N, C-alpha and C. Protein backbone atom coordinates (compact mmCIF):
# COMPACT_ATOMS: atom_id res chain seq x y z
N UNK A 1 146.90 245.87 179.53
CA UNK A 1 148.01 245.18 180.56
C UNK A 1 148.26 245.83 182.10
N UNK A 2 148.37 247.09 181.51
CA UNK A 2 148.81 248.03 182.87
C UNK A 2 147.28 248.26 183.73
N UNK A 3 147.33 247.83 184.96
CA UNK A 3 146.03 248.27 185.54
C UNK A 3 146.64 249.73 186.74
N UNK A 4 145.86 250.77 186.76
CA UNK A 4 145.99 251.11 187.94
C UNK A 4 144.33 251.11 188.53
N UNK A 5 144.62 250.93 190.38
CA UNK A 5 143.72 250.86 190.95
C UNK A 5 143.70 251.49 192.02
N UNK A 6 142.87 252.58 192.50
CA UNK A 6 142.62 253.49 193.48
C UNK A 6 141.63 253.07 194.42
N UNK A 7 142.23 252.98 195.69
CA UNK A 7 141.26 252.76 196.94
C UNK A 7 141.40 254.15 197.93
N UNK A 8 140.10 254.36 198.37
CA UNK A 8 140.32 255.51 199.39
C UNK A 8 139.35 255.49 200.18
N UNK A 9 139.35 256.05 201.45
CA UNK A 9 138.91 256.43 202.43
C UNK A 9 137.79 256.94 201.92
N UNK A 10 137.96 258.20 201.46
CA UNK A 10 137.05 259.48 201.25
C UNK A 10 135.55 259.24 200.34
N UNK A 11 134.60 260.28 200.86
CA UNK A 11 133.69 260.24 199.97
C UNK A 11 134.31 260.04 198.26
N UNK A 12 133.26 259.59 197.56
CA UNK A 12 133.32 259.48 196.11
C UNK A 12 133.01 261.05 196.02
N UNK A 13 134.15 261.61 195.12
CA UNK A 13 133.66 263.06 194.39
C UNK A 13 132.87 263.12 193.18
N UNK A 14 132.55 263.77 192.87
CA UNK A 14 131.43 263.92 191.47
C UNK A 14 131.86 263.05 190.58
N UNK A 15 131.03 262.42 189.69
CA UNK A 15 131.14 261.12 188.77
C UNK A 15 132.29 261.66 187.79
N UNK A 16 132.01 262.96 187.12
CA UNK A 16 132.86 263.49 186.46
C UNK A 16 134.09 263.62 186.57
N UNK A 17 134.35 264.21 188.11
CA UNK A 17 135.80 264.19 188.47
C UNK A 17 136.28 263.31 188.42
N UNK A 18 135.71 262.22 189.21
CA UNK A 18 136.53 260.41 188.79
C UNK A 18 136.95 260.25 187.32
N UNK A 19 135.90 260.38 186.71
CA UNK A 19 136.06 259.91 185.03
C UNK A 19 137.50 260.86 184.57
N UNK A 20 137.10 262.45 184.64
CA UNK A 20 138.45 262.64 184.49
C UNK A 20 139.43 262.40 184.44
N UNK A 21 139.55 261.83 185.99
CA UNK A 21 141.02 261.53 186.77
C UNK A 21 141.26 260.30 186.12
N UNK A 22 140.46 259.14 186.10
CA UNK A 22 140.56 258.37 185.42
C UNK A 22 141.23 257.98 184.12
N UNK A 23 140.52 258.68 183.50
CA UNK A 23 140.72 259.15 182.37
C UNK A 23 143.20 259.63 182.08
N UNK A 24 142.72 260.52 182.51
CA UNK A 24 144.21 261.32 183.08
C UNK A 24 145.19 259.90 183.31
N UNK A 25 144.73 259.31 184.17
CA UNK A 25 145.65 258.53 185.06
C UNK A 25 146.27 257.09 183.64
N UNK A 26 144.65 256.81 182.96
CA UNK A 26 145.05 255.97 182.12
C UNK A 26 146.33 256.77 180.71
N UNK A 27 146.26 257.87 180.26
CA UNK A 27 146.84 258.22 179.41
C UNK A 27 148.16 258.54 180.08
N UNK A 28 148.36 258.75 181.14
CA UNK A 28 149.87 258.93 181.89
C UNK A 28 150.52 257.47 182.26
N UNK A 29 149.58 256.50 182.43
CA UNK A 29 150.06 255.17 182.86
C UNK A 29 150.19 254.46 181.57
N UNK A 30 149.72 254.86 180.35
CA UNK A 30 150.36 254.41 178.88
C UNK A 30 151.63 254.81 178.49
N UNK A 31 151.71 255.94 179.34
CA UNK A 31 152.98 256.91 178.81
C UNK A 31 154.46 256.25 179.27
N UNK A 32 154.27 256.37 180.33
CA UNK A 32 155.03 255.79 181.77
C UNK A 32 155.46 254.16 181.41
N UNK A 33 154.82 253.68 180.65
CA UNK A 33 155.00 251.74 180.54
C UNK A 33 155.54 251.82 179.47
N UNK A 34 155.04 252.80 178.26
CA UNK A 34 155.69 252.59 176.90
C UNK A 34 154.66 251.41 176.30
N UNK A 35 153.18 251.37 177.17
CA UNK A 35 152.38 250.42 176.62
C UNK A 35 151.13 251.32 175.92
N UNK A 36 150.29 250.69 174.94
CA UNK A 36 148.76 251.34 174.25
C UNK A 36 148.13 251.88 175.35
N UNK A 37 147.51 252.21 175.04
CA UNK A 37 146.48 253.29 176.19
C UNK A 37 145.34 251.97 175.86
N UNK A 38 145.35 251.80 174.87
CA UNK A 38 144.05 250.51 174.80
C UNK A 38 144.21 249.50 175.21
N UNK A 39 145.14 249.06 175.95
CA UNK A 39 144.92 248.00 176.87
C UNK A 39 145.24 248.40 178.53
N UNK A 40 145.00 249.87 179.04
CA UNK A 40 145.17 250.27 180.20
C UNK A 40 144.09 249.96 180.81
N UNK A 41 143.60 249.65 182.17
CA UNK A 41 142.08 249.47 182.64
C UNK A 41 142.90 250.43 184.31
N UNK A 42 141.67 250.90 184.46
CA UNK A 42 141.41 252.07 185.47
C UNK A 42 140.57 251.57 186.54
N UNK A 43 140.79 252.00 188.00
CA UNK A 43 139.73 251.38 188.63
C UNK A 43 139.35 252.30 190.09
N UNK A 44 138.61 252.45 190.21
CA UNK A 44 138.24 253.49 191.39
C UNK A 44 137.24 253.34 192.42
N UNK A 45 137.78 253.05 194.04
CA UNK A 45 136.92 252.60 194.89
C UNK A 45 137.02 253.88 196.16
N UNK A 46 135.64 254.42 196.37
CA UNK A 46 135.82 255.23 197.24
C UNK A 46 135.15 254.49 198.68
N UNK A 47 135.09 254.97 199.77
CA UNK A 47 134.37 254.98 201.15
C UNK A 47 134.96 253.27 201.33
N UNK A 48 136.05 253.40 201.06
CA UNK A 48 136.84 251.93 201.68
C UNK A 48 137.44 252.10 203.52
N UNK A 49 137.11 251.18 204.32
CA UNK A 49 137.46 251.58 205.53
C UNK A 49 138.97 251.54 205.67
N UNK A 50 139.56 252.33 206.25
CA UNK A 50 140.94 252.31 206.14
C UNK A 50 141.65 252.96 206.89
N UNK A 51 142.84 252.81 207.48
CA UNK A 51 143.73 253.79 208.70
C UNK A 51 145.20 253.29 208.05
N UNK A 52 145.61 254.55 208.31
CA UNK A 52 147.19 254.99 208.18
C UNK A 52 147.69 255.94 209.18
N UNK A 53 148.88 255.35 209.66
CA UNK A 53 149.73 256.04 210.89
C UNK A 53 148.62 255.79 212.26
N UNK A 54 147.76 254.94 212.32
CA UNK A 54 146.86 254.78 213.17
C UNK A 54 145.68 255.34 213.35
N UNK A 55 145.45 256.31 212.20
CA UNK A 55 144.00 257.14 212.64
C UNK A 55 143.51 256.92 211.02
N UNK A 56 142.03 257.07 211.43
CA UNK A 56 140.86 257.30 209.77
C UNK A 56 140.86 258.33 208.94
N UNK A 57 142.06 259.40 209.37
CA UNK A 57 142.32 260.77 208.55
C UNK A 57 142.17 260.07 206.81
N UNK A 58 142.33 260.98 205.99
CA UNK A 58 141.96 260.29 204.42
C UNK A 58 143.05 259.76 204.01
N UNK A 59 143.11 258.67 203.20
CA UNK A 59 144.20 257.92 202.76
C UNK A 59 143.94 257.26 201.68
N UNK A 60 144.94 256.73 201.16
CA UNK A 60 144.78 256.57 199.87
C UNK A 60 145.38 255.34 199.58
N UNK A 61 145.34 254.39 199.16
CA UNK A 61 146.32 253.10 198.60
C UNK A 61 146.10 253.14 197.15
N UNK A 62 147.27 252.55 196.20
CA UNK A 62 147.37 252.56 194.74
C UNK A 62 148.04 251.29 194.49
N UNK A 63 147.18 250.53 193.64
CA UNK A 63 148.37 249.42 192.93
C UNK A 63 148.35 249.85 191.90
N UNK A 64 149.37 249.42 190.88
CA UNK A 64 149.97 249.12 189.86
C UNK A 64 150.36 248.29 189.43
N UNK A 65 150.05 247.78 188.38
CA UNK A 65 150.55 246.39 187.56
C UNK A 65 151.00 246.35 186.36
N UNK A 66 151.72 245.69 186.20
CA UNK A 66 151.96 245.77 184.34
C UNK A 66 152.50 244.80 183.77
N UNK A 67 152.51 244.08 183.01
CA UNK A 67 153.55 242.63 182.50
C UNK A 67 154.37 243.36 181.83
N UNK A 68 155.41 242.76 182.07
CA UNK A 68 157.02 242.80 182.26
C UNK A 68 157.65 243.75 183.04
N UNK A 69 158.97 244.20 183.09
CA UNK A 69 159.51 244.99 184.58
C UNK A 69 159.50 245.93 184.55
N UNK A 70 159.00 247.00 185.52
CA UNK A 70 159.34 248.47 185.97
C UNK A 70 160.71 248.53 186.30
N UNK A 71 161.00 249.44 185.74
CA UNK A 71 162.88 250.06 186.37
C UNK A 71 162.50 250.74 187.70
N UNK A 72 163.58 251.31 188.30
CA UNK A 72 163.40 252.18 189.73
C UNK A 72 163.07 253.53 189.11
N UNK A 73 163.71 253.87 187.63
CA UNK A 73 163.29 255.51 187.35
C UNK A 73 162.08 255.62 187.31
N UNK A 74 161.28 254.62 186.59
CA UNK A 74 159.85 254.49 185.92
C UNK A 74 158.75 254.78 187.49
N UNK A 75 159.13 253.60 188.38
CA UNK A 75 158.14 253.79 189.13
C UNK A 75 158.37 255.29 190.16
N UNK A 76 159.71 255.46 190.33
CA UNK A 76 159.87 256.71 191.05
C UNK A 76 159.15 258.19 190.51
N UNK A 77 159.32 258.35 188.81
CA UNK A 77 158.37 259.23 188.36
C UNK A 77 156.77 258.84 188.27
N UNK A 78 156.44 257.71 188.67
CA UNK A 78 155.13 257.25 188.65
C UNK A 78 154.63 257.58 189.85
N UNK A 79 155.71 257.30 190.87
CA UNK A 79 154.99 257.78 192.62
C UNK A 79 154.75 259.62 192.01
N UNK A 80 155.40 260.24 192.24
CA UNK A 80 155.55 261.58 191.77
C UNK A 80 154.14 261.93 191.03
N UNK A 81 154.15 261.50 189.67
CA UNK A 81 153.01 262.06 189.21
C UNK A 81 151.66 261.37 189.62
N UNK A 82 151.70 259.92 189.96
CA UNK A 82 150.20 260.09 190.39
C UNK A 82 149.66 260.37 191.61
N UNK A 83 150.74 260.54 192.79
CA UNK A 83 150.25 261.20 193.91
C UNK A 83 149.81 262.34 193.41
N UNK A 84 150.70 263.34 192.87
CA UNK A 84 150.30 264.79 192.55
C UNK A 84 148.53 264.81 191.98
N UNK A 85 148.60 263.41 190.99
CA UNK A 85 146.94 263.80 190.41
C UNK A 85 146.01 263.53 191.52
N UNK A 86 146.57 262.46 192.28
CA UNK A 86 145.31 262.25 193.46
C UNK A 86 145.11 263.02 194.31
N UNK A 87 146.17 263.96 194.83
CA UNK A 87 146.05 264.74 195.74
C UNK A 87 145.13 265.69 195.20
N UNK A 88 145.40 266.40 193.89
CA UNK A 88 144.78 267.66 193.63
C UNK A 88 143.36 267.09 192.98
N UNK A 89 142.87 265.77 193.18
CA UNK A 89 141.45 265.40 192.69
C UNK A 89 141.04 265.19 194.03
N UNK A 90 141.43 264.28 194.90
CA UNK A 90 141.00 264.24 195.85
C UNK A 90 141.09 264.73 196.95
N UNK A 91 141.85 265.32 197.23
CA UNK A 91 142.65 266.29 198.12
C UNK A 91 142.79 264.93 199.22
N UNK A 92 143.68 263.86 199.18
CA UNK A 92 144.20 263.40 200.29
C UNK A 92 145.67 263.32 199.96
N UNK A 93 146.24 263.87 201.33
CA UNK A 93 147.80 264.13 201.50
C UNK A 93 148.44 263.35 200.77
N UNK A 94 149.55 263.81 199.90
CA UNK A 94 150.90 262.81 199.45
C UNK A 94 151.16 261.93 200.73
N UNK A 95 151.49 262.35 201.74
CA UNK A 95 152.15 261.85 202.71
C UNK A 95 151.01 260.61 203.36
N UNK A 96 149.42 260.64 202.65
CA UNK A 96 149.02 259.38 203.07
C UNK A 96 148.37 258.54 202.15
N UNK A 97 149.21 258.54 200.85
CA UNK A 97 149.41 257.84 199.87
C UNK A 97 150.46 256.84 199.65
N UNK A 98 149.90 255.30 199.54
CA UNK A 98 150.92 254.42 199.21
C UNK A 98 150.43 253.85 197.85
N UNK A 99 151.62 253.44 197.13
CA UNK A 99 151.61 253.09 195.84
C UNK A 99 152.13 251.47 195.97
N UNK A 100 151.66 250.96 195.53
CA UNK A 100 152.25 249.11 195.36
C UNK A 100 152.69 249.16 193.66
N UNK A 101 153.94 248.76 193.47
CA UNK A 101 154.12 248.42 192.16
C UNK A 101 154.55 246.95 192.13
N UNK A 102 154.02 246.77 190.63
CA UNK A 102 153.76 245.01 190.81
C UNK A 102 154.09 244.84 189.13
N UNK A 103 155.13 243.56 188.87
CA UNK A 103 155.51 243.64 187.33
C UNK A 103 155.12 241.65 187.35
N UNK A 104 154.23 241.85 186.41
CA UNK A 104 153.08 240.14 186.00
C UNK A 104 153.99 239.89 185.01
N UNK A 105 154.39 238.18 184.72
CA UNK A 105 154.74 237.51 184.00
C UNK A 105 153.48 237.62 182.91
N UNK A 106 153.73 237.60 181.69
CA UNK A 106 153.05 237.32 180.78
C UNK A 106 151.73 236.37 180.80
N UNK A 107 152.20 235.14 181.21
CA UNK A 107 151.36 233.83 181.50
C UNK A 107 150.66 234.49 182.57
N UNK A 108 150.63 235.30 183.49
CA UNK A 108 150.14 235.54 184.62
C UNK A 108 148.82 236.49 184.02
N UNK A 109 148.71 236.73 183.43
CA UNK A 109 147.50 237.95 183.05
C UNK A 109 146.98 237.61 181.82
N UNK A 110 145.43 237.15 181.95
CA UNK A 110 144.95 237.15 180.85
C UNK A 110 144.00 237.97 180.36
N UNK A 111 143.60 237.78 179.28
CA UNK A 111 142.60 238.63 178.33
C UNK A 111 142.17 238.63 177.21
N UNK A 112 141.19 238.25 176.97
CA UNK A 112 140.52 237.75 175.99
C UNK A 112 140.52 236.40 175.33
N UNK A 113 139.86 235.76 176.46
CA UNK A 113 140.41 234.17 176.62
C UNK A 113 142.11 233.77 176.20
N UNK A 114 142.70 234.45 176.52
CA UNK A 114 143.95 233.93 176.22
C UNK A 114 144.86 234.88 177.35
N UNK A 115 146.26 234.37 177.19
CA UNK A 115 147.45 235.64 178.37
C UNK A 115 148.18 236.02 177.55
N UNK A 116 148.81 237.33 178.11
CA UNK A 116 149.90 237.45 177.28
C UNK A 116 151.14 236.57 177.23
N UNK A 117 151.40 235.66 177.56
CA UNK A 117 152.58 234.67 177.65
C UNK A 117 152.53 233.61 176.93
């Protein structure tokens, strides 16, 4: 049920680097949300046309969604942790990364032919 989706304007690094980053983000998202990693999904899209601050320098947009509510201290910690990870792997400056956190109601999240609510 937790999801982290990364979209970036840069070219994709080596597949193994992307997979390593996604596996790391999966484990971290499970830890931050207190949810089993068996429910965590990660996604990565490179070469997405985007601007930030009126220019096309490397940028990144991250969506983090989870069933239930995330507290301010959780989102603050996740922002710090995930910006650091993405910066190290993709070399996108932290000040060019936006993160959107979204809580989902259980009945609005489907899985395995049912929902979580």
